[in-house]
PDB file of N, CA and C in Angstrom:
ATOM      1  N   UNK A   1       7.535  32.254  -3.497  1.00  0.00           N
ATOM      2  CA  UNK A   1       6.231  32.040  -2.886  1.00  0.00           C
ATOM      3  C   UNK A   1       6.218  30.658  -2.234  1.00  0.00           C
ATOM      4  N   UNK A   2       5.752  30.570  -1.007  1.00  0.00           N
ATOM      5  CA  UNK A   2       5.747  29.326  -0.261  1.00  0.00           C
ATOM      6  C   UNK A   2       4.597  28.426  -0.724  1.00  0.00           C
ATOM      7  N   UNK A   3       4.905  27.134  -0.978  1.00  0.00           N
ATOM      8  CA  UNK A   3       3.882  26.196  -1.451  1.00  0.00           C
ATOM      9  C   UNK A   3       2.791  25.970  -0.431  1.00  0.00           C
ATOM     10  N   UNK A   4       3.105  26.059   0.857  1.00  0.00           N
ATOM     11  CA  UNK A   4       2.114  25.783   1.890  1.00  0.00           C
ATOM     12  C   UNK A   4       1.073  26.897   1.970  1.00  0.00           C
ATOM     13  N   UNK A   5       1.449  28.129   1.554  1.00  0.00           N
ATOM     14  CA  UNK A   5       0.521  29.238   1.683  1.00  0.00           C
ATOM     15  C   UNK A   5      -0.143  29.621   0.372  1.00  0.00           C
ATOM     16  N   UNK A   6       0.239  29.011  -0.714  1.00  0.00           N
ATOM     17  CA  UNK A   6      -0.397  29.359  -1.983  1.00  0.00           C
ATOM     18  C   UNK A   6      -1.802  28.805  -2.039  1.00  0.00           C
ATOM     19  N   UNK A   7      -2.649  29.522  -2.716  1.00  0.00           N
ATOM     20  CA  UNK A   7      -4.004  29.029  -2.906  1.00  0.00           C
ATOM     21  C   UNK A   7      -4.024  28.107  -4.105  1.00  0.00           C
ATOM     22  N   UNK A   8      -4.964  27.198  -4.094  1.00  0.00           N
ATOM     23  CA  UNK A   8      -5.059  26.233  -5.179  1.00  0.00           C
ATOM     24  C   UNK A   8      -5.653  26.877  -6.410  1.00  0.00           C
ATOM     25  N   UNK A   9      -5.115  26.548  -7.549  1.00  0.00           N
ATOM     26  CA  UNK A   9      -5.756  26.884  -8.806  1.00  0.00           C
ATOM     27  C   UNK A   9      -6.716  25.766  -9.125  1.00  0.00           C
ATOM     28  N   UNK A  10      -7.843  26.093  -9.646  1.00  0.00           N
ATOM     29  CA  UNK A  10      -8.818  25.073 -10.009  1.00  0.00           C
ATOM     30  C   UNK A  10      -8.539  24.610 -11.424  1.00  0.00           C
ATOM     31  N   UNK A  11      -8.032  23.389 -11.547  1.00  0.00           N
ATOM     32  CA  UNK A  11      -7.797  22.802 -12.861  1.00  0.00           C
ATOM     33  C   UNK A  11      -8.929  21.852 -13.174  1.00  0.00           C
ATOM     34  N   UNK A  12      -9.383  21.897 -14.385  1.00  0.00           N
ATOM     35  CA  UNK A  12     -10.460  21.015 -14.768  1.00  0.00           C
ATOM     36  C   UNK A  12      -9.960  19.613 -15.056  1.00  0.00           C
ATOM     37  N   UNK A  13     -10.889  18.754 -15.365  1.00  0.00           N
ATOM     38  CA  UNK A  13     -10.567  17.379 -15.682  1.00  0.00           C
ATOM     39  C   UNK A  13      -9.662  17.303 -16.906  1.00  0.00           C
ATOM     40  N   UNK A  14      -9.883  18.184 -17.860  1.00  0.00           N
ATOM     41  CA  UNK A  14      -9.055  18.196 -19.069  1.00  0.00           C
ATOM     42  C   UNK A  14      -7.598  18.520 -18.727  1.00  0.00           C
ATOM     43  N   UNK A  15      -7.386  19.459 -17.821  1.00  0.00           N
ATOM     44  CA  UNK A  15      -6.023  19.828 -17.418  1.00  0.00           C
ATOM     45  C   UNK A  15      -5.317  18.661 -16.724  1.00  0.00           C
ATOM     46  N   UNK A  16      -6.026  17.988 -15.835  1.00  0.00           N
ATOM     47  CA  UNK A  16      -5.449  16.838 -15.136  1.00  0.00           C
ATOM     48  C   UNK A  16      -5.164  15.705 -16.114  1.00  0.00           C
ATOM     49  N   UNK A  17      -6.095  15.435 -17.023  1.00  0.00           N
ATOM     50  CA  UNK A  17      -5.891  14.385 -18.026  1.00  0.00           C
ATOM     51  C   UNK A  17      -4.693  14.702 -18.906  1.00  0.00           C
ATOM     52  N   UNK A  18      -4.545  15.980 -19.282  1.00  0.00           N
ATOM     53  CA  UNK A  18      -3.403  16.383 -20.100  1.00  0.00           C
ATOM     54  C   UNK A  18      -2.081  16.139 -19.359  1.00  0.00           C
ATOM     55  N   UNK A  19      -2.056  16.473 -18.085  1.00  0.00           N
ATOM     56  CA  UNK A  19      -0.837  16.276 -17.298  1.00  0.00           C
ATOM     57  C   UNK A  19      -0.499  14.790 -17.159  1.00  0.00           C
ATOM     58  N   UNK A  20      -1.514  13.946 -16.910  1.00  0.00           N
ATOM     59  CA  UNK A  20      -1.253  12.513 -16.795  1.00  0.00           C
ATOM     60  C   UNK A  20      -0.821  11.921 -18.131  1.00  0.00           C
ATOM     61  N   UNK A  21      -1.387  12.393 -19.239  1.00  0.00           N
ATOM     62  CA  UNK A  21      -0.975  11.923 -20.558  1.00  0.00           C
ATOM     63  C   UNK A  21       0.480  12.303 -20.823  1.00  0.00           C
ATOM     64  N   UNK A  22       0.834  13.523 -20.482  1.00  0.00           N
ATOM     65  CA  UNK A  22       2.219  13.968 -20.632  1.00  0.00           C
ATOM     66  C   UNK A  22       3.159  13.120 -19.784  1.00  0.00           C
ATOM     67  N   UNK A  23       2.792  12.891 -18.524  1.00  0.00           N
ATOM     68  CA  UNK A  23       3.635  12.066 -17.654  1.00  0.00           C
ATOM     69  C   UNK A  23       3.712  10.630 -18.162  1.00  0.00           C
ATOM     70  N   UNK A  24       2.638  10.126 -18.738  1.00  0.00           N
ATOM     71  CA  UNK A  24       2.648   8.775 -19.290  1.00  0.00           C
ATOM     72  C   UNK A  24       3.637   8.622 -20.423  1.00  0.00           C
ATOM     73  N   UNK A  25       3.827   9.685 -21.193  1.00  0.00           N
ATOM     74  CA  UNK A  25       4.764   9.618 -22.306  1.00  0.00           C
ATOM     75  C   UNK A  25       6.209   9.812 -21.880  1.00  0.00           C
ATOM     76  N   UNK A  26       6.458  10.655 -20.880  1.00  0.00           N
ATOM     77  CA  UNK A  26       7.841  10.982 -20.540  1.00  0.00           C
ATOM     78  C   UNK A  26       8.341  10.327 -19.261  1.00  0.00           C
ATOM     79  N   UNK A  27       7.459   9.740 -18.449  1.00  0.00           N
ATOM     80  CA  UNK A  27       7.867   9.217 -17.151  1.00  0.00           C
ATOM     81  C   UNK A  27       8.664   7.926 -17.299  1.00  0.00           C
ATOM     82  N   UNK A  28       9.670   7.797 -16.504  1.00  0.00           N
ATOM     83  CA  UNK A  28      10.484   6.589 -16.438  1.00  0.00           C
ATOM     84  C   UNK A  28      10.919   6.411 -14.993  1.00  0.00           C
ATOM     85  N   UNK A  29      11.372   5.219 -14.647  1.00  0.00           N
ATOM     86  CA  UNK A  29      11.814   4.965 -13.283  1.00  0.00           C
ATOM     87  C   UNK A  29      10.728   4.290 -12.467  1.00  0.00           C
ATOM     88  N   UNK A  30      10.994   4.134 -11.208  1.00  0.00           N
ATOM     89  CA  UNK A  30      10.076   3.451 -10.314  1.00  0.00           C
ATOM     90  C   UNK A  30       9.053   4.393  -9.712  1.00  0.00           C
ATOM     91  N   UNK A  31       8.319   3.903  -8.704  1.00  0.00           N
ATOM     92  CA  UNK A  31       7.261   4.704  -8.087  1.00  0.00           C
ATOM     93  C   UNK A  31       7.759   6.021  -7.491  1.00  0.00           C
ATOM     94  N   UNK A  32       8.929   6.011  -6.889  1.00  0.00           N
ATOM     95  CA  UNK A  32       9.445   7.248  -6.285  1.00  0.00           C
ATOM     96  C   UNK A  32       9.673   8.318  -7.345  1.00  0.00           C
ATOM     97  N   UNK A  33      10.163   7.905  -8.501  1.00  0.00           N
ATOM     98  CA  UNK A  33      10.381   8.860  -9.590  1.00  0.00           C
ATOM     99  C   UNK A  33       9.058   9.403 -10.110  1.00  0.00           C
ATOM    100  N   UNK A  34       8.045   8.532 -10.223  1.00  0.00           N
ATOM    101  CA  UNK A  34       6.745   8.990 -10.714  1.00  0.00           C
ATOM    102  C   UNK A  34       6.090   9.967  -9.741  1.00  0.00           C
ATOM    103  N   UNK A  35       6.171   9.680  -8.451  1.00  0.00           N
ATOM    104  CA  UNK A  35       5.586  10.583  -7.460  1.00  0.00           C
ATOM    105  C   UNK A  35       6.299  11.927  -7.502  1.00  0.00           C
ATOM    106  N   UNK A  36       7.620  11.917  -7.649  1.00  0.00           N
ATOM    107  CA  UNK A  36       8.364  13.175  -7.735  1.00  0.00           C
ATOM    108  C   UNK A  36       7.964  13.965  -8.979  1.00  0.00           C
ATOM    109  N   UNK A  37       7.782  13.270 -10.104  1.00  0.00           N
ATOM    110  CA  UNK A  37       7.364  13.966 -11.328  1.00  0.00           C
ATOM    111  C   UNK A  37       5.948  14.521 -11.193  1.00  0.00           C
ATOM    112  N   UNK A  38       5.054  13.762 -10.558  1.00  0.00           N
ATOM    113  CA  UNK A  38       3.688  14.258 -10.357  1.00  0.00           C
ATOM    114  C   UNK A  38       3.685  15.466  -9.425  1.00  0.00           C
ATOM    115  N   UNK A  39       4.519  15.417  -8.386  1.00  0.00           N
ATOM    116  CA  UNK A  39       4.592  16.569  -7.485  1.00  0.00           C
ATOM    117  C   UNK A  39       5.090  17.796  -8.230  1.00  0.00           C
ATOM    118  N   UNK A  40       6.087  17.608  -9.055  1.00  0.00           N
ATOM    119  CA  UNK A  40       6.622  18.724  -9.843  1.00  0.00           C
ATOM    120  C   UNK A  40       5.538  19.326 -10.746  1.00  0.00           C
ATOM    121  N   UNK A  41       4.781  18.468 -11.419  1.00  0.00           N
ATOM    122  CA  UNK A  41       3.766  18.950 -12.365  1.00  0.00           C
ATOM    123  C   UNK A  41       2.547  19.545 -11.669  1.00  0.00           C
ATOM    124  N   UNK A  42       2.033  18.888 -10.632  1.00  0.00           N
ATOM    125  CA  UNK A  42       0.765  19.299 -10.037  1.00  0.00           C
ATOM    126  C   UNK A  42       0.914  20.327  -8.927  1.00  0.00           C
ATOM    127  N   UNK A  43       2.034  20.299  -8.210  1.00  0.00           N
ATOM    128  CA  UNK A  43       2.188  21.200  -7.067  1.00  0.00           C
ATOM    129  C   UNK A  43       3.036  22.410  -7.440  1.00  0.00           C
ATOM    130  N   UNK A  44       4.214  22.181  -7.947  1.00  0.00           N
ATOM    131  CA  UNK A  44       5.140  23.295  -8.175  1.00  0.00           C
ATOM    132  C   UNK A  44       4.850  24.044  -9.465  1.00  0.00           C
ATOM    133  N   UNK A  45       4.795  23.307 -10.561  1.00  0.00           N
ATOM    134  CA  UNK A  45       4.640  23.949 -11.858  1.00  0.00           C
ATOM    135  C   UNK A  45       3.186  24.318 -12.145  1.00  0.00           C
ATOM    136  N   UNK A  46       2.297  23.365 -11.973  1.00  0.00           N
ATOM    137  CA  UNK A  46       0.905  23.611 -12.325  1.00  0.00           C
ATOM    138  C   UNK A  46       0.092  24.293 -11.255  1.00  0.00           C
ATOM    139  N   UNK A  47       0.524  24.206 -10.013  1.00  0.00           N
ATOM    140  CA  UNK A  47      -0.188  24.765  -8.858  1.00  0.00           C
ATOM    141  C   UNK A  47      -1.649  24.330  -8.838  1.00  0.00           C
ATOM    142  N   UNK A  48      -1.899  23.064  -9.183  1.00  0.00           N
ATOM    143  CA  UNK A  48      -3.259  22.532  -9.132  1.00  0.00           C
ATOM    144  C   UNK A  48      -3.619  22.097  -7.725  1.00  0.00           C
ATOM    145  N   UNK A  49      -2.622  21.726  -6.919  1.00  0.00           N
ATOM    146  CA  UNK A  49      -2.824  21.260  -5.553  1.00  0.00           C
ATOM    147  C   UNK A  49      -1.803  21.906  -4.639  1.00  0.00           C
ATOM    148  N   UNK A  50      -2.144  21.966  -3.349  1.00  0.00           N
ATOM    149  CA  UNK A  50      -1.121  22.337  -2.377  1.00  0.00           C
ATOM    150  C   UNK A  50      -0.298  21.090  -2.067  1.00  0.00           C
ATOM    151  N   UNK A  51       0.863  21.272  -1.510  1.00  0.00           N
ATOM    152  CA  UNK A  51       1.736  20.141  -1.183  1.00  0.00           C
ATOM    153  C   UNK A  51       1.052  19.203  -0.180  1.00  0.00           C
ATOM    154  N   UNK A  52       0.341  19.763   0.789  1.00  0.00           N
ATOM    155  CA  UNK A  52      -0.324  18.949   1.805  1.00  0.00           C
ATOM    156  C   UNK A  52      -1.408  18.067   1.185  1.00  0.00           C
ATOM    157  N   UNK A  53      -2.199  18.645   0.285  1.00  0.00           N
ATOM    158  CA  UNK A  53      -3.261  17.855  -0.348  1.00  0.00           C
ATOM    159  C   UNK A  53      -2.685  16.796  -1.272  1.00  0.00           C
ATOM    160  N   UNK A  54      -1.585  17.118  -1.940  1.00  0.00           N
ATOM    161  CA  UNK A  54      -0.934  16.124  -2.791  1.00  0.00           C
ATOM    162  C   UNK A  54      -0.450  14.947  -1.958  1.00  0.00           C
ATOM    163  N   UNK A  55       0.217  15.242  -0.839  1.00  0.00           N
ATOM    164  CA  UNK A  55       0.724  14.172   0.021  1.00  0.00           C
ATOM    165  C   UNK A  55      -0.407  13.383   0.663  1.00  0.00           C
ATOM    166  N   UNK A  56      -1.523  14.030   0.981  1.00  0.00           N
ATOM    167  CA  UNK A  56      -2.693  13.300   1.483  1.00  0.00           C
ATOM    168  C   UNK A  56      -3.194  12.313   0.435  1.00  0.00           C
ATOM    169  N   UNK A  57      -3.213  12.724  -0.827  1.00  0.00           N
ATOM    170  CA  UNK A  57      -3.634  11.830  -1.900  1.00  0.00           C
ATOM    171  C   UNK A  57      -2.684  10.662  -2.087  1.00  0.00           C
ATOM    172  N   UNK A  58      -1.389  10.931  -2.010  1.00  0.00           N
ATOM    173  CA  UNK A  58      -0.402   9.853  -2.132  1.00  0.00           C
ATOM    174  C   UNK A  58      -0.550   8.867  -0.979  1.00  0.00           C
ATOM    175  N   UNK A  59      -0.747   9.382   0.240  1.00  0.00           N
ATOM    176  CA  UNK A  59      -0.928   8.499   1.394  1.00  0.00           C
ATOM    177  C   UNK A  59      -2.198   7.667   1.270  1.00  0.00           C
ATOM    178  N   UNK A  60      -3.285   8.270   0.801  1.00  0.00           N
ATOM    179  CA  UNK A  60      -4.535   7.521   0.634  1.00  0.00           C
ATOM    180  C   UNK A  60      -4.360   6.410  -0.406  1.00  0.00           C
ATOM    181  N   UNK A  61      -3.654   6.712  -1.486  1.00  0.00           N
ATOM    182  CA  UNK A  61      -3.415   5.688  -2.507  1.00  0.00           C
ATOM    183  C   UNK A  61      -2.549   4.557  -1.953  1.00  0.00           C
ATOM    184  N   UNK A  62      -1.558   4.893  -1.127  1.00  0.00           N
ATOM    185  CA  UNK A  62      -0.693   3.867  -0.548  1.00  0.00           C
ATOM    186  C   UNK A  62      -1.469   2.963   0.408  1.00  0.00           C
ATOM    187  N   UNK A  63      -2.347   3.548   1.219  1.00  0.00           N
ATOM    188  CA  UNK A  63      -3.151   2.749   2.146  1.00  0.00           C
ATOM    189  C   UNK A  63      -4.105   1.837   1.375  1.00  0.00           C
ATOM    190  N   UNK A  64      -4.722   2.361   0.324  1.00  0.00           N
ATOM    191  CA  UNK A  64      -5.626   1.538  -0.484  1.00  0.00           C
ATOM    192  C   UNK A  64      -4.877   0.387  -1.141  1.00  0.00           C
ATOM    193  N   UNK A  65      -3.665   0.648  -1.631  1.00  0.00           N
ATOM    194  CA  UNK A  65      -2.869  -0.409  -2.244  1.00  0.00           C
ATOM    195  C   UNK A  65      -2.480  -1.470  -1.222  1.00  0.00           C
ATOM    196  N   UNK A  66      -2.088  -1.049  -0.017  1.00  0.00           N
ATOM    197  CA  UNK A  66      -1.734  -2.020   1.021  1.00  0.00           C
ATOM    198  C   UNK A  66      -2.932  -2.870   1.421  1.00  0.00           C
ATOM    199  N   UNK A  67      -4.114  -2.257   1.512  1.00  0.00           N
ATOM    200  CA  UNK A  67      -5.314  -3.013   1.865  1.00  0.00           C
ATOM    201  C   UNK A  67      -5.641  -4.045   0.791  1.00  0.00           C
ATOM    202  N   UNK A  68      -5.537  -3.655  -0.459  1.00  0.00           N
ATOM    203  CA  UNK A  68      -5.830  -4.579  -1.556  1.00  0.00           C
ATOM    204  C   UNK A  68      -4.836  -5.740  -1.592  1.00  0.00           C
ATOM    205  N   UNK A  69      -3.561  -5.440  -1.441  1.00  0.00           N
ATOM    206  CA  UNK A  69      -2.541  -6.495  -1.451  1.00  0.00           C
ATOM    207  C   UNK A  69      -2.720  -7.415  -0.249  1.00  0.00           C
ATOM    208  N   UNK A  70      -3.022  -6.849   0.915  1.00  0.00           N
ATOM    209  CA  UNK A  70      -3.280  -7.679   2.090  1.00  0.00           C
ATOM    210  C   UNK A  70      -4.470  -8.602   1.890  1.00  0.00           C
ATOM    211  N   UNK A  71      -5.521  -8.079   1.264  1.00  0.00           N
ATOM    212  CA  UNK A  71      -6.699  -8.894   0.977  1.00  0.00           C
ATOM    213  C   UNK A  71      -6.339 -10.036   0.017  1.00  0.00           C
ATOM    214  N   UNK A  72      -5.559  -9.741  -1.010  1.00  0.00           N
ATOM    215  CA  UNK A  72      -5.161 -10.770  -1.971  1.00  0.00           C
ATOM    216  C   UNK A  72      -4.284 -11.839  -1.310  1.00  0.00           C
ATOM    217  N   UNK A  73      -3.350 -11.410  -0.458  1.00  0.00           N
ATOM    218  CA  UNK A  73      -2.514 -12.377   0.251  1.00  0.00           C
ATOM    219  C   UNK A  73      -3.357 -13.251   1.169  1.00  0.00           C
ATOM    220  N   UNK A  74      -4.309 -12.641   1.855  1.00  0.00           N
ATOM    221  CA  UNK A  74      -5.183 -13.409   2.737  1.00  0.00           C
ATOM    222  C   UNK A  74      -5.990 -14.450   1.977  1.00  0.00           C
ATOM    223  N   UNK A  75      -6.524 -14.062   0.832  1.00  0.00           N
ATOM    224  CA  UNK A  75      -7.287 -15.009   0.013  1.00  0.00           C
ATOM    225  C   UNK A  75      -6.409 -16.140  -0.490  1.00  0.00           C
ATOM    226  N   UNK A  76      -5.172 -15.834  -0.831  1.00  0.00           N
ATOM    227  CA  UNK A  76      -4.275 -16.863  -1.360  1.00  0.00           C
ATOM    228  C   UNK A  76      -3.751 -17.781  -0.264  1.00  0.00           C
ATOM    229  N   UNK A  77      -3.610 -17.260   0.953  1.00  0.00           N
ATOM    230  CA  UNK A  77      -2.993 -18.045   2.025  1.00  0.00           C
ATOM    231  C   UNK A  77      -3.990 -18.917   2.779  1.00  0.00           C
ATOM    232  N   UNK A  78      -5.227 -18.478   2.900  1.00  0.00           N
ATOM    233  CA  UNK A  78      -6.207 -19.202   3.707  1.00  0.00           C
ATOM    234  C   UNK A  78      -6.978 -20.180   2.818  1.00  0.00           C
ATOM    235  N   UNK A  79      -6.310 -21.279   2.485  1.00  0.00           N
ATOM    236  CA  UNK A  79      -6.881 -22.211   1.505  1.00  0.00           C
ATOM    237  C   UNK A  79      -7.421 -23.490   2.134  1.00  0.00           C
ATOM    238  N   UNK A  80      -7.095 -23.767   3.397  1.00  0.00           N
ATOM    239  CA  UNK A  80      -7.598 -24.986   4.033  1.00  0.00           C
ATOM    240  C   UNK A  80      -7.842 -24.709   5.519  1.00  0.00           C
ATOM    241  N   UNK A  81      -8.460 -25.652   6.188  1.00  0.00           N
ATOM    242  CA  UNK A  81      -8.841 -25.467   7.593  1.00  0.00           C
ATOM    243  C   UNK A  81      -7.632 -25.250   8.501  1.00  0.00           C
ATOM    244  N   UNK A  82      -6.540 -26.037   8.386  1.00  0.00           N
ATOM    245  CA  UNK A  82      -5.396 -25.760   9.259  1.00  0.00           C
ATOM    246  C   UNK A  82      -4.817 -24.355   9.079  1.00  0.00           C
ATOM    247  N   UNK A  83      -4.815 -23.834   7.855  1.00  0.00           N
ATOM    248  CA  UNK A  83      -4.293 -22.485   7.625  1.00  0.00           C
ATOM    249  C   UNK A  83      -5.175 -21.433   8.286  1.00  0.00           C
ATOM    250  N   UNK A  84      -6.495 -21.612   8.227  1.00  0.00           N
ATOM    251  CA  UNK A  84      -7.415 -20.672   8.873  1.00  0.00           C
ATOM    252  C   UNK A  84      -7.244 -20.723  10.385  1.00  0.00           C
ATOM    253  N   UNK A  85      -7.144 -21.924  10.948  1.00  0.00           N
ATOM    254  CA  UNK A  85      -6.951 -22.062  12.400  1.00  0.00           C
ATOM    255  C   UNK A  85      -5.640 -21.408  12.822  1.00  0.00           C
ATOM    256  N   UNK A  86      -4.598 -21.629  12.061  1.00  0.00           N
ATOM    257  CA  UNK A  86      -3.301 -21.033  12.367  1.00  0.00           C
ATOM    258  C   UNK A  86      -3.357 -19.505  12.273  1.00  0.00           C
ATOM    259  N   UNK A  87      -4.076 -18.988  11.291  1.00  0.00           N
ATOM    260  CA  UNK A  87      -4.192 -17.529  11.147  1.00  0.00           C
ATOM    261  C   UNK A  87      -4.954 -16.915  12.319  1.00  0.00           C
ATOM    262  N   UNK A  88      -6.050 -17.545  12.729  1.00  0.00           N
ATOM    263  CA  UNK A  88      -6.834 -17.027  13.856  1.00  0.00           C
ATOM    264  C   UNK A  88      -6.017 -17.094  15.150  1.00  0.00           C
ATOM    265  N   UNK A  89      -5.327 -18.201  15.360  1.00  0.00           N
ATOM    266  CA  UNK A  89      -4.481 -18.345  16.538  1.00  0.00           C
ATOM    267  C   UNK A  89      -3.356 -17.309  16.536  1.00  0.00           C
ATOM    268  N   UNK A  90      -2.748 -17.090  15.395  1.00  0.00           N
ATOM    269  CA  UNK A  90      -1.676 -16.089  15.292  1.00  0.00           C
ATOM    270  C   UNK A  90      -2.196 -14.692  15.596  1.00  0.00           C
ATOM    271  N   UNK A  91      -3.342 -14.348  15.036  1.00  0.00           N
ATOM    272  CA  UNK A  91      -3.917 -13.028  15.299  1.00  0.00           C
ATOM    273  C   UNK A  91      -4.215 -12.858  16.779  1.00  0.00           C
ATOM    274  N   UNK A  92      -4.761 -13.889  17.416  1.00  0.00           N
ATOM    275  CA  UNK A  92      -5.062 -13.809  18.850  1.00  0.00           C
ATOM    276  C   UNK A  92      -3.783 -13.625  19.663  1.00  0.00           C
ATOM    277  N   UNK A  93      -2.742 -14.356  19.313  1.00  0.00           N
ATOM    278  CA  UNK A  93      -1.473 -14.226  20.051  1.00  0.00           C
ATOM    279  C   UNK A  93      -0.846 -12.845  19.869  1.00  0.00           C
ATOM    280  N   UNK A  94      -0.929 -12.315  18.668  1.00  0.00           N
ATOM    281  CA  UNK A  94      -0.329 -11.001  18.413  1.00  0.00           C
ATOM    282  C   UNK A  94      -1.114  -9.908  19.120  1.00  0.00           C
ATOM    283  N   UNK A  95      -2.446  -9.902  18.977  1.00  0.00           N
ATOM    284  CA  UNK A  95      -3.230  -8.803  19.519  1.00  0.00           C
ATOM    285  C   UNK A  95      -3.467  -8.913  21.023  1.00  0.00           C
ATOM    286  N   UNK A  96      -3.614 -10.112  21.530  1.00  0.00           N
ATOM    287  CA  UNK A  96      -3.902 -10.283  22.965  1.00  0.00           C
ATOM    288  C   UNK A  96      -2.643 -10.251  23.809  1.00  0.00           C
ATOM    289  N   UNK A  97      -1.612 -10.968  23.362  1.00  0.00           N
ATOM    290  CA  UNK A  97      -0.410 -11.112  24.182  1.00  0.00           C
ATOM    291  C   UNK A  97       0.794 -10.339  23.661  1.00  0.00           C
ATOM    292  N   UNK A  98       0.634  -9.632  22.565  1.00  0.00           N
ATOM    293  CA  UNK A  98       1.701  -8.792  21.988  1.00  0.00           C
ATOM    294  C   UNK A  98       2.984  -9.588  21.734  1.00  0.00           C
ATOM    295  N   UNK A  99       2.833 -10.789  21.213  1.00  0.00           N
ATOM    296  CA  UNK A  99       3.994 -11.629  20.898  1.00  0.00           C
ATOM    297  C   UNK A  99       4.677 -11.085  19.645  1.00  0.00           C
ATOM    298  N   UNK A 100       5.980 -11.112  19.656  1.00  0.00           N
ATOM    299  CA  UNK A 100       6.761 -10.668  18.503  1.00  0.00           C
ATOM    300  C   UNK A 100       6.393 -11.514  17.286  1.00  0.00           C
ATOM    301  N   UNK A 101       6.222 -10.870  16.150  1.00  0.00           N
ATOM    302  CA  UNK A 101       5.791 -11.581  14.945  1.00  0.00           C
ATOM    303  C   UNK A 101       6.833 -12.587  14.448  1.00  0.00           C
ATOM    304  N   UNK A 102       8.092 -12.426  14.851  1.00  0.00           N
ATOM    305  CA  UNK A 102       9.109 -13.418  14.471  1.00  0.00           C
ATOM    306  C   UNK A 102       8.754 -14.782  15.033  1.00  0.00           C
ATOM    307  N   UNK A 103       8.281 -14.820  16.280  1.00  0.00           N
ATOM    308  CA  UNK A 103       7.898 -16.089  16.895  1.00  0.00           C
ATOM    309  C   UNK A 103       6.663 -16.681  16.221  1.00  0.00           C
ATOM    310  N   UNK A 104       5.776 -15.810  15.758  1.00  0.00           N
ATOM    311  CA  UNK A 104       4.587 -16.285  15.040  1.00  0.00           C
ATOM    312  C   UNK A 104       4.997 -16.948  13.731  1.00  0.00           C
ATOM    313  N   UNK A 105       5.932 -16.340  13.020  1.00  0.00           N
ATOM    314  CA  UNK A 105       6.408 -16.916  11.753  1.00  0.00           C
ATOM    315  C   UNK A 105       7.102 -18.251  12.009  1.00  0.00           C
ATOM    316  N   UNK A 106       7.959 -18.298  13.026  1.00  0.00           N
ATOM    317  CA  UNK A 106       8.647 -19.557  13.340  1.00  0.00           C
ATOM    318  C   UNK A 106       7.657 -20.632  13.787  1.00  0.00           C
ATOM    319  N   UNK A 107       6.667 -20.245  14.588  1.00  0.00           N
ATOM    320  CA  UNK A 107       5.636 -21.200  15.013  1.00  0.00           C
ATOM    321  C   UNK A 107       4.806 -21.693  13.838  1.00  0.00           C
ATOM    322  N   UNK A 108       4.493 -20.809  12.899  1.00  0.00           N
ATOM    323  CA  UNK A 108       3.759 -21.208  11.704  1.00  0.00           C
ATOM    324  C   UNK A 108       4.555 -22.173  10.848  1.00  0.00           C
ATOM    325  N   UNK A 109       5.859 -21.920  10.739  1.00  0.00           N
ATOM    326  CA  UNK A 109       6.713 -22.837   9.978  1.00  0.00           C
ATOM    327  C   UNK A 109       6.762 -24.205  10.647  1.00  0.00           C
ATOM    328  N   UNK A 110       6.901 -24.211  11.976  1.00  0.00           N
ATOM    329  CA  UNK A 110       6.925 -25.487  12.697  1.00  0.00           C
ATOM    330  C   UNK A 110       5.592 -26.215  12.560  1.00  0.00           C
ATOM    331  N   UNK A 111       4.484 -25.491  12.640  1.00  0.00           N
ATOM    332  CA  UNK A 111       3.170 -26.114  12.482  1.00  0.00           C
ATOM    333  C   UNK A 111       3.011 -26.673  11.069  1.00  0.00           C
ATOM    334  N   UNK A 112       3.507 -25.947  10.067  1.00  0.00           N
ATOM    335  CA  UNK A 112       3.437 -26.435   8.692  1.00  0.00           C
ATOM    336  C   UNK A 112       4.238 -27.706   8.488  1.00  0.00           C
ATOM    337  N   UNK A 113       5.430 -27.753   9.085  1.00  0.00           N
ATOM    338  CA  UNK A 113       6.261 -28.965   8.976  1.00  0.00           C
ATOM    339  C   UNK A 113       5.572 -30.132   9.679  1.00  0.00           C
ATOM    340  N   UNK A 114       5.034 -29.875  10.874  1.00  0.00           N
ATOM    341  CA  UNK A 114       4.337 -30.929  11.622  1.00  0.00           C
ATOM    342  C   UNK A 114       3.112 -31.440  10.842  1.00  0.00           C
ATOM    343  N   UNK A 115       2.334 -30.537  10.281  1.00  0.00           N
ATOM    344  CA  UNK A 115       1.171 -30.952   9.495  1.00  0.00           C
ATOM    345  C   UNK A 115       1.587 -31.746   8.254  1.00  0.00           C
ATOM    346  N   UNK A 116       2.674 -31.351   7.630  1.00  0.00           N
ATOM    347  CA  UNK A 116       3.163 -32.069   6.455  1.00  0.00           C
ATOM    348  C   UNK A 116       3.610 -33.485   6.846  1.00  0.00           C
ATOM    349  N   UNK A 117       4.305 -33.607   7.994  1.00  0.00           N
ATOM    350  CA  UNK A 117       4.756 -34.921   8.455  1.00  0.00           C
ATOM    351  C   UNK A 117       3.575 -35.811   8.830  1.00  0.00           C
ATOM    352  N   UNK A 118       2.511 -35.200   9.354  1.00  0.00           N
ATOM    353  CA  UNK A 118       1.325 -35.989   9.721  1.00  0.00           C
ATOM    354  C   UNK A 118       0.404 -36.272   8.541  1.00  0.00           C
ATOM    355  N   UNK A 119       0.707 -35.672   7.400  1.00  0.00           N
ATOM    356  CA  UNK A 119      -0.083 -35.898   6.200  1.00  0.00           C
ATOM    357  C   UNK A 119      -1.384 -35.137   6.155  1.00  0.00           C
ATOM    358  N   UNK A 120      -1.499 -34.015   6.868  1.00  0.00           N
ATOM    359  CA  UNK A 120      -2.725 -33.236   6.897  1.00  0.00           C
ATOM    360  C   UNK A 120      -2.741 -32.109   5.884  1.00  0.00           C
ATOM    361  N   UNK A 121      -1.696 -31.937   5.132  1.00  0.00           N
ATOM    362  CA  UNK A 121      -1.698 -30.820   4.180  1.00  0.00           C
ATOM    363  C   UNK A 121      -1.288 -31.283   2.805  1.00  0.00           C
TER     364      UNK A 121
END
């Protein structure tokens, strides 16, 4: 039976909790291994989700994680006025003039060295 054409079985919250508890006890390895084990349990074996809906959920979780990490990096990096000015200037150069980000990184490093030599940081 093809996974793309199967209909979803409706699993309750208890069924999902049981599957996550089971995976919590037996899962090992990195994120790729965990996603593969979840796909095996929820899509193939349990038929709680279709493959497309499972992958949509994984993609949504990945985007949310990237947004959160980006927000944390931004909060940690923008600690003084020169850093904020450099970030705004970099964003303008990237979005307006499509400058390669390698040049932005090198320019930021040069600006940091110059600010350090001038005693502004």
